[in-house]
C-alpha atoms as a PDB file:
ATOM      1  CA  MET A   1     -11.061  49.436 -30.189  1.00  0.00           C
ATOM      2  CA  ARG A   2      -9.726  51.939 -32.725  1.00  0.00           C
ATOM      3  CA  ALA A   3      -8.134  49.094 -34.686  1.00  0.00           C
ATOM      4  CA  VAL A   4     -11.460  47.251 -34.848  1.00  0.00           C
ATOM      5  CA  LEU A   5     -13.302  50.370 -36.059  1.00  0.00           C
ATOM      6  CA  ALA A   6     -10.647  51.010 -38.676  1.00  0.00           C
ATOM      7  CA  ALA A   7     -10.948  47.455 -39.943  1.00  0.00           C
ATOM      8  CA  LEU A   8     -14.714  47.762 -40.181  1.00  0.00           C
ATOM      9  CA  MET A   9     -14.440  51.021 -42.113  1.00  0.00           C
ATOM     10  CA  LEU A  10     -11.960  49.466 -44.554  1.00  0.00           C
ATOM     11  CA  SER A  11     -14.147  46.421 -45.114  1.00  0.00           C
ATOM     12  CA  THR A  12     -17.222  48.602 -45.649  1.00  0.00           C
ATOM     13  CA  ALA A  13     -15.396  50.807 -48.118  1.00  0.00           C
ATOM     14  CA  ALA A  14     -14.267  47.753 -50.069  1.00  0.00           C
ATOM     15  CA  VAL A  15     -17.774  46.389 -50.682  1.00  0.00           C
ATOM     16  CA  PRO A  16     -18.764  48.791 -53.512  1.00  0.00           C
ATOM     17  CA  ALA A  17     -15.542  47.991 -55.323  1.00  0.00           C
ATOM     18  CA  LEU A  18     -16.461  44.295 -55.381  1.00  0.00           C
ATOM     19  CA  ALA A  19     -19.998  44.885 -56.608  1.00  0.00           C
ATOM     20  CA  GLN A  20     -20.624  45.020 -60.335  1.00  0.00           C
ATOM     21  CA  THR A  21     -21.758  48.488 -61.381  1.00  0.00           C
ATOM     22  CA  PRO A  22     -24.560  48.415 -63.972  1.00  0.00           C
ATOM     23  CA  PRO A  23     -23.853  50.251 -67.237  1.00  0.00           C
ATOM     24  CA  ALA A  24     -26.961  52.438 -66.893  1.00  0.00           C
ATOM     25  CA  THR A  25     -29.923  53.262 -64.696  1.00  0.00           C
ATOM     26  CA  ILE A  26     -33.322  51.708 -65.327  1.00  0.00           C
ATOM     27  CA  GLY A  27     -35.465  54.243 -67.187  1.00  0.00           C
ATOM     28  CA  GLN A  28     -32.503  56.186 -68.478  1.00  0.00           C
ATOM     29  CA  GLN A  29     -33.171  57.591 -71.959  1.00  0.00           C
ATOM     30  CA  TYR A  30     -29.935  56.359 -73.517  1.00  0.00           C
ATOM     31  CA  VAL A  31     -28.269  53.067 -72.696  1.00  0.00           C
ATOM     32  CA  PRO A  32     -24.590  52.511 -73.559  1.00  0.00           C
ATOM     33  CA  ALA A  33     -24.355  50.124 -76.491  1.00  0.00           C
ATOM     34  CA  PRO A  34     -21.588  47.558 -76.989  1.00  0.00           C
ATOM     35  CA  TRP A  35     -18.481  48.812 -78.762  1.00  0.00           C
ATOM     36  CA  TRP A  36     -19.329  46.826 -81.882  1.00  0.00           C
ATOM     37  CA  MET A  37     -22.602  48.769 -82.302  1.00  0.00           C
ATOM     38  CA  ARG A  38     -21.010  52.228 -82.778  1.00  0.00           C
ATOM     39  CA  ASP A  39     -21.407  51.738 -86.545  1.00  0.00           C
ATOM     40  CA  PRO A  40     -24.223  50.006 -88.448  1.00  0.00           C
ATOM     41  CA  VAL A  41     -23.979  46.275 -87.815  1.00  0.00           C
ATOM     42  CA  ILE A  42     -26.019  43.122 -88.178  1.00  0.00           C
ATOM     43  CA  ALA A  43     -25.910  40.471 -85.446  1.00  0.00           C
ATOM     44  CA  SER A  44     -26.792  36.988 -86.644  1.00  0.00           C
ATOM     45  CA  ILE A  45     -27.391  33.866 -84.569  1.00  0.00           C
ATOM     46  CA  GLY A  46     -26.570  30.572 -86.187  1.00  0.00           C
ATOM     47  CA  TYR A  47     -28.788  27.904 -84.668  1.00  0.00           C
ATOM     48  CA  VAL A  48     -28.443  24.325 -85.895  1.00  0.00           C
ATOM     49  CA  ARG A  49     -29.773  20.925 -84.935  1.00  0.00           C
ATOM     50  CA  VAL A  50     -28.996  17.396 -86.016  1.00  0.00           C
ATOM     51  CA  GLU A  51     -30.446  13.986 -85.260  1.00  0.00           C
ATOM     52  CA  LEU A  52     -27.842  11.377 -84.360  1.00  0.00           C
ATOM     53  CA  GLN A  53     -28.283   7.774 -83.358  1.00  0.00           C
ATOM     54  CA  ALA A  54     -27.754   7.050 -79.670  1.00  0.00           C
ATOM     55  CA  ASN A  55     -24.387   5.415 -79.124  1.00  0.00           C
ATOM     56  CA  ARG A  56     -24.753   4.217 -75.519  1.00  0.00           C
ATOM     57  CA  ALA A  57     -27.151   1.714 -73.937  1.00  0.00           C
ATOM     58  CA  GLN A  58     -27.486   0.365 -70.424  1.00  0.00           C
ATOM     59  CA  PHE A  59     -29.690  -2.062 -68.539  1.00  0.00           C
ATOM     60  CA  SER A  60     -29.585  -4.292 -65.465  1.00  0.00           C
ATOM     61  CA  ALA A  61     -30.617  -7.823 -64.510  1.00  0.00           C
ATOM     62  CA  SER A  62     -31.013  -9.571 -61.161  1.00  0.00           C
ATOM     63  CA  PHE A  63     -30.577 -13.201 -60.077  1.00  0.00           C
ATOM     64  CA  GLN A  64     -32.017 -14.504 -56.800  1.00  0.00           C
ATOM     65  CA  THR A  65     -31.379 -17.597 -54.685  1.00  0.00           C
ATOM     66  CA  VAL A  66     -32.784 -18.761 -51.327  1.00  0.00           C
ATOM     67  CA  ASP A  67     -30.987 -20.987 -48.832  1.00  0.00           C
ATOM     68  CA  ARG A  68     -30.907 -21.638 -45.095  1.00  0.00           C
ATOM     69  CA  SER A  69     -27.269 -20.508 -44.964  1.00  0.00           C
ATOM     70  CA  VAL A  70     -26.357 -16.937 -45.873  1.00  0.00           C
ATOM     71  CA  ALA A  71     -22.991 -18.092 -47.195  1.00  0.00           C
ATOM     72  CA  GLU A  72     -24.566 -20.773 -49.372  1.00  0.00           C
ATOM     73  CA  ALA A  73     -27.203 -18.381 -50.723  1.00  0.00           C
ATOM     74  CA  SER A  74     -24.508 -15.853 -51.625  1.00  0.00           C
ATOM     75  CA  ARG A  75     -22.385 -18.531 -53.285  1.00  0.00           C
ATOM     76  CA  LYS A  76     -25.275 -19.778 -55.424  1.00  0.00           C
ATOM     77  CA  ALA A  77     -26.159 -16.233 -56.504  1.00  0.00           C
ATOM     78  CA  ALA A  78     -22.552 -15.500 -57.405  1.00  0.00           C
ATOM     79  CA  ASP A  79     -22.352 -18.737 -59.397  1.00  0.00           C
ATOM     80  CA  GLN A  80     -25.330 -17.623 -61.501  1.00  0.00           C
ATOM     81  CA  ILE A  81     -23.612 -14.488 -62.759  1.00  0.00           C
ATOM     82  CA  ARG A  82     -19.976 -15.618 -62.810  1.00  0.00           C
ATOM     83  CA  ALA A  83     -20.074 -17.213 -66.253  1.00  0.00           C
ATOM     84  CA  LEU A  84     -22.300 -14.431 -67.603  1.00  0.00           C
ATOM     85  CA  SER A  85     -19.869 -11.767 -66.367  1.00  0.00           C
ATOM     86  CA  GLN A  86     -16.956 -13.550 -68.007  1.00  0.00           C
ATOM     87  CA  THR A  87     -18.860 -13.878 -71.282  1.00  0.00           C
ATOM     88  CA  LEU A  88     -19.732 -10.174 -71.371  1.00  0.00           C
ATOM     89  CA  ALA A  89     -16.225  -9.162 -70.293  1.00  0.00           C
ATOM     90  CA  ALA A  90     -14.886 -10.921 -73.398  1.00  0.00           C
ATOM     91  CA  TYR A  91     -16.269  -8.066 -75.533  1.00  0.00           C
ATOM     92  CA  GLY A  92     -13.660  -5.744 -74.001  1.00  0.00           C
ATOM     93  CA  ALA A  93     -14.114  -2.847 -71.606  1.00  0.00           C
ATOM     94  CA  GLU A  94     -14.112  -0.362 -74.502  1.00  0.00           C
ATOM     95  CA  ASN A  95     -17.293  -2.016 -75.870  1.00  0.00           C
ATOM     96  CA  VAL A  96     -19.129  -3.454 -72.852  1.00  0.00           C
ATOM     97  CA  ARG A  97     -18.694  -2.485 -69.214  1.00  0.00           C
ATOM     98  CA  VAL A  98     -20.025  -4.806 -66.512  1.00  0.00           C
ATOM     99  CA  GLU A  99     -20.597  -4.068 -62.829  1.00  0.00           C
ATOM    100  CA  THR A 100     -21.840  -6.735 -60.407  1.00  0.00           C
ATOM    101  CA  THR A 101     -23.174  -6.363 -56.861  1.00  0.00           C
ATOM    102  CA  LEU A 102     -24.361  -8.902 -54.308  1.00  0.00           C
ATOM    103  CA  SER A 103     -26.789  -8.359 -51.436  1.00  0.00           C
ATOM    104  CA  THR A 104     -28.586 -10.635 -48.950  1.00  0.00           C
ATOM    105  CA  GLN A 105     -31.616 -10.272 -46.718  1.00  0.00           C
ATOM    106  CA  PRO A 106     -33.177 -12.564 -44.109  1.00  0.00           C
ATOM    107  CA  LEU A 107     -36.576 -14.207 -44.588  1.00  0.00           C
ATOM    108  CA  TYR A 108     -38.344 -14.411 -41.222  1.00  0.00           C
ATOM    109  CA  ASP A 109     -40.925 -16.796 -39.900  1.00  0.00           C
ATOM    110  CA  GLN A 110     -44.420 -15.400 -40.474  1.00  0.00           C
ATOM    111  CA  TYR A 111     -47.516 -15.396 -38.288  1.00  0.00           C
ATOM    112  CA  ARG A 112     -51.006 -13.892 -38.314  1.00  0.00           C
ATOM    113  CA  ASP A 113     -51.950 -11.325 -35.697  1.00  0.00           C
ATOM    114  CA  GLU A 114     -55.307 -10.981 -33.986  1.00  0.00           C
ATOM    115  CA  ASN A 115     -56.690  -9.225 -37.089  1.00  0.00           C
ATOM    116  CA  GLY A 116     -55.575 -11.984 -39.426  1.00  0.00           C
ATOM    117  CA  ILE A 117     -52.815  -9.892 -41.015  1.00  0.00           C
ATOM    118  CA  LEU A 118     -49.715 -11.841 -42.015  1.00  0.00           C
ATOM    119  CA  ARG A 119     -46.606 -10.380 -40.365  1.00  0.00           C
ATOM    120  CA  ASP A 120     -42.898 -11.172 -40.164  1.00  0.00           C
ATOM    121  CA  ASN A 121     -41.492 -12.316 -36.852  1.00  0.00           C
ATOM    122  CA  THR A 122     -38.424 -10.048 -37.136  1.00  0.00           C
ATOM    123  CA  ARG A 123     -36.251 -11.688 -34.530  1.00  0.00           C
ATOM    124  CA  ALA A 124     -32.771 -13.029 -35.052  1.00  0.00           C
ATOM    125  CA  ASP A 125     -33.796 -16.489 -33.811  1.00  0.00           C
ATOM    126  CA  ARG A 126     -36.800 -16.589 -36.187  1.00  0.00           C
ATOM    127  CA  ILE A 127     -34.867 -16.383 -39.470  1.00  0.00           C
ATOM    128  CA  GLU A 128     -35.947 -19.235 -41.706  1.00  0.00           C
ATOM    129  CA  ARG A 129     -33.901 -18.593 -44.830  1.00  0.00           C
ATOM    130  CA  TYR A 130     -31.715 -16.051 -46.551  1.00  0.00           C
ATOM    131  CA  GLN A 131     -32.354 -14.531 -49.962  1.00  0.00           C
ATOM    132  CA  ALA A 132     -29.320 -13.452 -51.987  1.00  0.00           C
ATOM    133  CA  GLN A 133     -29.637 -11.147 -54.980  1.00  0.00           C
ATOM    134  CA  ALA A 134     -26.886 -10.725 -57.537  1.00  0.00           C
ATOM    135  CA  THR A 135     -27.338  -7.694 -59.798  1.00  0.00           C
ATOM    136  CA  ILE A 136     -25.426  -7.077 -62.991  1.00  0.00           C
ATOM    137  CA  GLN A 137     -25.266  -3.583 -64.517  1.00  0.00           C
ATOM    138  CA  VAL A 138     -24.396  -3.597 -68.213  1.00  0.00           C
ATOM    139  CA  GLN A 139     -23.305  -0.525 -70.184  1.00  0.00           C
ATOM    140  CA  VAL A 140     -22.939  -1.094 -73.915  1.00  0.00           C
ATOM    141  CA  ARG A 141     -20.621   1.450 -75.527  1.00  0.00           C
ATOM    142  CA  ASP A 142     -20.750  -0.148 -79.005  1.00  0.00           C
ATOM    143  CA  VAL A 143     -24.419  -0.439 -79.960  1.00  0.00           C
ATOM    144  CA  SER A 144     -23.586  -2.814 -82.824  1.00  0.00           C
ATOM    145  CA  VAL A 145     -23.288  -5.620 -80.232  1.00  0.00           C
ATOM    146  CA  LEU A 146     -26.274  -4.518 -78.122  1.00  0.00           C
ATOM    147  CA  GLU A 147     -28.739  -7.116 -79.438  1.00  0.00           C
ATOM    148  CA  ARG A 148     -26.370 -10.006 -78.789  1.00  0.00           C
ATOM    149  CA  VAL A 149     -25.398  -8.728 -75.331  1.00  0.00           C
ATOM    150  CA  TYR A 150     -29.037  -8.293 -74.342  1.00  0.00           C
ATOM    151  CA  ALA A 151     -29.949 -11.748 -75.697  1.00  0.00           C
ATOM    152  CA  THR A 152     -27.077 -13.287 -73.721  1.00  0.00           C
ATOM    153  CA  VAL A 153     -28.433 -11.818 -70.486  1.00  0.00           C
ATOM    154  CA  VAL A 154     -32.023 -12.860 -71.273  1.00  0.00           C
ATOM    155  CA  ALA A 155     -30.904 -16.422 -72.101  1.00  0.00           C
ATOM    156  CA  SER A 156     -29.231 -16.622 -68.677  1.00  0.00           C
ATOM    157  CA  GLN A 157     -32.767 -16.588 -67.185  1.00  0.00           C
ATOM    158  CA  PRO A 158     -32.490 -13.817 -64.591  1.00  0.00           C
ATOM    159  CA  ALA A 159     -35.235 -13.285 -62.017  1.00  0.00           C
ATOM    160  CA  SER A 160     -35.807  -9.801 -63.475  1.00  0.00           C
ATOM    161  CA  ILE A 161     -34.380  -7.645 -66.224  1.00  0.00           C
ATOM    162  CA  GLY A 162     -34.660  -3.876 -66.518  1.00  0.00           C
ATOM    163  CA  GLN A 163     -35.537  -1.595 -69.395  1.00  0.00           C
ATOM    164  CA  VAL A 164     -32.882  -0.657 -71.926  1.00  0.00           C
ATOM    165  CA  TYR A 165     -31.987   3.039 -71.693  1.00  0.00           C
ATOM    166  CA  PHE A 166     -30.285   4.820 -74.566  1.00  0.00           C
ATOM    167  CA  GLN A 167     -28.019   7.859 -74.471  1.00  0.00           C
ATOM    168  CA  LEU A 168     -26.117   9.998 -76.948  1.00  0.00           C
ATOM    169  CA  GLU A 169     -22.494  10.843 -76.123  1.00  0.00           C
ATOM    170  CA  PRO A 170     -21.115  12.809 -79.102  1.00  0.00           C
ATOM    171  CA  ASP A 171     -17.362  12.778 -79.495  1.00  0.00           C
ATOM    172  CA  ASN A 172     -15.191  15.851 -79.929  1.00  0.00           C
ATOM    173  CA  VAL A 173     -15.216  15.571 -83.723  1.00  0.00           C
ATOM    174  CA  ALA A 174     -19.018  15.675 -83.888  1.00  0.00           C
ATOM    175  CA  LYS A 175     -19.147  18.620 -81.469  1.00  0.00           C
ATOM    176  CA  THR A 176     -16.570  20.549 -83.504  1.00  0.00           C
ATOM    177  CA  ASN A 177     -18.351  19.878 -86.787  1.00  0.00           C
ATOM    178  CA  LEU A 178     -21.674  21.023 -85.355  1.00  0.00           C
ATOM    179  CA  ALA A 179     -20.064  24.198 -83.956  1.00  0.00           C
ATOM    180  CA  ASN A 180     -18.623  24.946 -87.399  1.00  0.00           C
ATOM    181  CA  GLU A 181     -22.069  24.462 -88.936  1.00  0.00           C
ATOM    182  CA  ALA A 182     -23.509  26.950 -86.423  1.00  0.00           C
ATOM    183  CA  VAL A 183     -21.038  29.626 -87.569  1.00  0.00           C
ATOM    184  CA  ARG A 184     -21.832  28.871 -91.221  1.00  0.00           C
ATOM    185  CA  ASP A 185     -25.541  29.119 -90.458  1.00  0.00           C
ATOM    186  CA  ALA A 186     -25.016  32.538 -88.836  1.00  0.00           C
ATOM    187  CA  ALA A 187     -23.181  33.708 -91.948  1.00  0.00           C
ATOM    188  CA  ARG A 188     -25.959  32.449 -94.247  1.00  0.00           C
ATOM    189  CA  ARG A 189     -28.658  34.183 -92.206  1.00  0.00           C
ATOM    190  CA  ALA A 190     -26.717  37.454 -92.028  1.00  0.00           C
ATOM    191  CA  ARG A 191     -26.006  37.443 -95.768  1.00  0.00           C
ATOM    192  CA  ALA A 192     -29.654  36.796 -96.622  1.00  0.00           C
ATOM    193  CA  ALA A 193     -30.909  39.469 -94.201  1.00  0.00           C
ATOM    194  CA  ALA A 194     -28.486  42.087 -95.530  1.00  0.00           C
ATOM    195  CA  GLU A 195     -29.388  41.372 -99.153  1.00  0.00           C
ATOM    196  CA  ASN A 196     -33.121  41.532 -98.387  1.00  0.00           C
ATOM    197  CA  ALA A 197     -32.575  44.904 -96.682  1.00  0.00           C
ATOM    198  CA  GLY A 198     -30.601  46.278 -99.620  1.00  0.00           C
ATOM    199  CA  ALA A 199     -27.258  46.323 -97.809  1.00  0.00           C
ATOM    200  CA  ALA A 200     -23.995  44.410 -98.049  1.00  0.00           C
ATOM    201  CA  LEU A 201     -22.006  42.638 -95.374  1.00  0.00           C
ATOM    202  CA  GLY A 202     -18.805  44.202 -94.165  1.00  0.00           C
ATOM    203  CA  SER A 203     -16.063  42.720 -92.019  1.00  0.00           C
ATOM    204  CA  VAL A 204     -16.660  40.470 -89.037  1.00  0.00           C
ATOM    205  CA  ARG A 205     -16.820  42.350 -85.730  1.00  0.00           C
ATOM    206  CA  VAL A 206     -17.547  39.586 -83.224  1.00  0.00           C
ATOM    207  CA  ILE A 207     -17.657  35.791 -83.255  1.00  0.00           C
ATOM    208  CA  ASP A 208     -19.225  34.403 -80.080  1.00  0.00           C
ATOM    209  CA  PRO A 209     -19.598  30.603 -79.965  1.00  0.00           C
ATOM    210  CA  THR A 210     -21.985  30.905 -76.979  1.00  0.00           C
ATOM    211  CA  GLY A 211     -24.439  33.102 -78.908  1.00  0.00           C
ATOM    212  CA  ARG A 212     -24.924  35.488 -75.964  1.00  0.00           C
ATOM    213  CA  ALA A 213     -23.522  38.535 -77.752  1.00  0.00           C
ATOM    214  CA  CYS A 214     -26.486  38.470 -80.146  1.00  0.00           C
ATOM    215  CA  GLN A 215     -28.993  38.318 -77.292  1.00  0.00           C
ATOM    216  CA  THR A 216     -28.198  41.750 -75.771  1.00  0.00           C
ATOM    217  CA  ASP A 217     -31.473  43.703 -75.750  1.00  0.00           C
ATOM    218  CA  VAL A 218     -30.219  47.282 -76.152  1.00  0.00           C
ATOM    219  CA  LEU A 219     -33.543  48.519 -77.529  1.00  0.00           C
ATOM    220  CA  ALA A 220     -35.497  47.723 -74.375  1.00  0.00           C
ATOM    221  CA  GLY A 221     -33.843  50.444 -72.308  1.00  0.00           C
ATOM    222  CA  TRP A 222     -31.740  48.041 -70.286  1.00  0.00           C
ATOM    223  CA  PRO A 223     -29.034  45.584 -71.295  1.00  0.00           C
ATOM    224  CA  SER A 224     -30.395  42.081 -70.761  1.00  0.00           C
ATOM    225  CA  TYR A 225     -30.038  38.665 -72.238  1.00  0.00           C
ATOM    226  CA  GLY A 226     -32.902  36.699 -73.664  1.00  0.00           C
ATOM    227  CA  GLY A 227     -33.024  33.107 -74.761  1.00  0.00           C
ATOM    228  CA  GLY A 228     -33.883  31.533 -78.042  1.00  0.00           C
ATOM    229  CA  GLY A 229     -32.285  31.597 -81.424  1.00  0.00           C
ATOM    230  CA  GLY A 230     -35.372  31.272 -83.587  1.00  0.00           C
ATOM    231  CA  GLN A 231     -35.969  28.187 -85.685  1.00  0.00           C
ATOM    232  CA  ALA A 232     -32.998  25.876 -85.838  1.00  0.00           C
ATOM    233  CA  THR A 233     -31.518  24.855 -89.172  1.00  0.00           C
ATOM    234  CA  THR A 234     -31.415  21.091 -89.610  1.00  0.00           C
ATOM    235  CA  VAL A 235     -27.926  19.904 -90.505  1.00  0.00           C
ATOM    236  CA  ASP A 236     -27.149  16.764 -92.481  1.00  0.00           C
ATOM    237  CA  SER A 237     -26.037  14.123 -90.004  1.00  0.00           C
ATOM    238  CA  GLU A 238     -23.436  12.854 -92.473  1.00  0.00           C
ATOM    239  CA  VAL A 239     -21.675  16.227 -92.295  1.00  0.00           C
ATOM    240  CA  VAL A 240     -21.565  16.211 -88.505  1.00  0.00           C
ATOM    241  CA  VAL A 241     -20.407  12.653 -87.914  1.00  0.00           C
ATOM    242  CA  THR A 242     -18.130  12.142 -90.923  1.00  0.00           C
ATOM    243  CA  GLY A 243     -14.972  12.657 -88.915  1.00  0.00           C
ATOM    244  CA  SER A 244     -16.179  10.664 -85.948  1.00  0.00           C
ATOM    245  CA  ARG A 245     -17.075   7.694 -88.116  1.00  0.00           C
ATOM    246  CA  MET A 246     -13.532   7.657 -89.485  1.00  0.00           C
ATOM    247  CA  MET A 247     -12.150   7.606 -85.932  1.00  0.00           C
ATOM    248  CA  ARG A 248     -14.551   4.933 -84.646  1.00  0.00           C
ATOM    249  CA  ALA A 249     -13.007   1.623 -83.731  1.00  0.00           C
ATOM    250  CA  PRO A 250     -14.217  -1.480 -85.625  1.00  0.00           C
ATOM    251  CA  SER A 251     -17.051  -3.472 -84.092  1.00  0.00           C
ATOM    252  CA  ALA A 252     -16.068  -6.097 -81.588  1.00  0.00           C
ATOM    253  CA  PRO A 253     -16.224  -9.724 -82.763  1.00  0.00           C
ATOM    254  CA  PRO A 254     -18.513 -12.206 -80.987  1.00  0.00           C
ATOM    255  CA  PRO A 255     -17.075 -13.314 -77.650  1.00  0.00           C
ATOM    256  CA  PRO A 256     -15.375 -16.701 -77.277  1.00  0.00           C
ATOM    257  CA  PRO A 257     -17.328 -19.712 -75.979  1.00  0.00           C
ATOM    258  CA  PRO A 258     -18.117 -19.830 -72.246  1.00  0.00           C
ATOM    259  CA  PRO A 259     -15.293 -21.116 -70.030  1.00  0.00           C
ATOM    260  CA  ALA A 260     -17.157 -24.296 -69.069  1.00  0.00           C
ATOM    261  CA  PRO A 261     -20.152 -26.065 -70.633  1.00  0.00           C
ATOM    262  CA  GLY A 262     -23.471 -25.557 -68.856  1.00  0.00           C
ATOM    263  CA  GLN A 263     -22.453 -22.438 -66.955  1.00  0.00           C
ATOM    264  CA  ALA A 264     -23.489 -19.924 -69.618  1.00  0.00           C
ATOM    265  CA  PRO A 265     -26.232 -19.903 -72.265  1.00  0.00           C
ATOM    266  CA  SER A 266     -25.483 -21.747 -75.479  1.00  0.00           C
ATOM    267  CA  GLU A 267     -25.334 -20.126 -78.890  1.00  0.00           C
ATOM    268  CA  ALA A 268     -28.768 -21.551 -79.736  1.00  0.00           C
ATOM    269  CA  GLN A 269     -30.250 -20.082 -76.535  1.00  0.00           C
ATOM    270  CA  ILE A 270     -28.742 -16.681 -77.286  1.00  0.00           C
ATOM    271  CA  GLU A 271     -30.120 -16.616 -80.817  1.00  0.00           C
ATOM    272  CA  ALA A 272     -33.546 -17.736 -79.565  1.00  0.00           C
ATOM    273  CA  ALA A 273     -33.653 -14.806 -77.109  1.00  0.00           C
ATOM    274  CA  ARG A 274     -32.469 -12.220 -79.621  1.00  0.00           C
ATOM    275  CA  LEU A 275     -34.707  -9.163 -80.079  1.00  0.00           C
ATOM    276  CA  ALA A 276     -34.565  -6.136 -82.365  1.00  0.00           C
ATOM    277  CA  LEU A 277     -33.139  -3.202 -80.396  1.00  0.00           C
ATOM    278  CA  GLN A 278     -32.862  -0.098 -82.571  1.00  0.00           C
ATOM    279  CA  PRO A 279     -31.084   2.837 -80.880  1.00  0.00           C
ATOM    280  CA  PRO A 280     -33.325   5.907 -81.211  1.00  0.00           C
ATOM    281  CA  LEU A 281     -32.364   9.187 -82.837  1.00  0.00           C
ATOM    282  CA  GLN A 282     -31.612  12.022 -80.441  1.00  0.00           C
ATOM    283  CA  VAL A 283     -31.326  15.749 -81.130  1.00  0.00           C
ATOM    284  CA  LEU A 284     -28.042  17.621 -80.737  1.00  0.00           C
ATOM    285  CA  THR A 285     -28.063  21.427 -81.023  1.00  0.00           C
ATOM    286  CA  ASP A 286     -25.533  24.244 -81.077  1.00  0.00           C
ATOM    287  CA  GLN A 287     -25.507  28.001 -81.728  1.00  0.00           C
ATOM    288  CA  ALA A 288     -23.068  30.791 -82.517  1.00  0.00           C
ATOM    289  CA  CYS A 289     -23.242  34.558 -82.812  1.00  0.00           C
ATOM    290  CA  VAL A 290     -21.479  36.444 -85.611  1.00  0.00           C
ATOM    291  CA  VAL A 291     -21.651  40.262 -85.850  1.00  0.00           C
ATOM    292  CA  TYR A 292     -20.908  41.894 -89.197  1.00  0.00           C
ATOM    293  CA  GLY A 293     -20.475  45.505 -90.164  1.00  0.00           C
ATOM    294  CA  LEU A 294     -22.772  46.850 -92.879  1.00  0.00           C
ATOM    295  CA  ASN A 295     -21.667  48.647 -96.037  1.00  0.00           C
END
């Protein structure tokens, strides 16, 4: 019993040590300021935005067949997408990724009840046919071939085709360039603010890529963090994506002809189904906090 009490006392005494002690009490007249505010400073948030073209696209299409045999229905559905899958796979996995699934469902004999409502006779011995659905999910990672890929799927005459969804996946070069522009923007804003106030910038005290250091509200009587960095500075997209364009792989050539005649759409059918698909521009933002001393 004494051992249990001693353990409880030790665990209770350890709780305050784990809790984070606030730097001041609410309502206290003076709140401890960060170390970099002991001397006159200016904290500047660099907030930048850029519009980049979406570089990913994805859509899906479904093919359906009906047969009295579940095996035959599945085979016919698979035959419909086999040549199409091979044609799209010829672009290469780095440009076009293809995922296919196959599902079947029974179609039951139907009857009308006493109210005249048509219902399915959902019994195993009342299955009339089977419906097989083959679905192909297409992710285009090189949007320069998107129109041709989409036209190839449309020319294959699926039972249904989904909407094209676009997405922006910036590479590491674009992210780094935008982060550098955020720091430059913070420096420009700080320099302009100091000059307008009749002061001069001193040495750099803090560089915070997250921007949180500039959001500490020490004048409100309690250290807190607020959002927002004011109006974002629009950055030239050429500056942000210059490096990434140099690293981008060349566009994939058109795929080779289908493996067997009649199993995939012809070149004329593909061109007839071709539509204009322009990837939209999407906004990419970043921010950085830079604290300068004042002279």
